[in-house]
Amino acid sequence: MKREPVNDFNTGVMDSLKVLEPGWPIREALVETLRAFYARHGAAFIVLPNRSQYPRRLFFDTMMHLRQGGQMAHSELVADALAPFVR
């Protein structure tokens, strides 16, 4: 089996807002600052339709740890957001 050099693969860098429970304000100016930062460095910054905010009931022990149902919902939104970049 022939192995391809790593530089033959298309790679990219992307980030998004961190998961938070509702009520934490996410200013549009912050989103645009993050978008501009990543763009300057050749990367993308995605914002999910729910701005990565989930009901408190979907969290486990802290506002940064989603339960399984919340993880699945978040993963689906991330996959939908990434789809245009991988087609």
Foldseek 3Di string as FASTA:
>chain_A
DDDDDPVVDDDADEEEAAAFAPPPDDDPVNVVVVQVVQVVVVHGYDQFPVSNHDHPVQADDDRRHGDPVSVVVVVVRVCVRCVVVPD
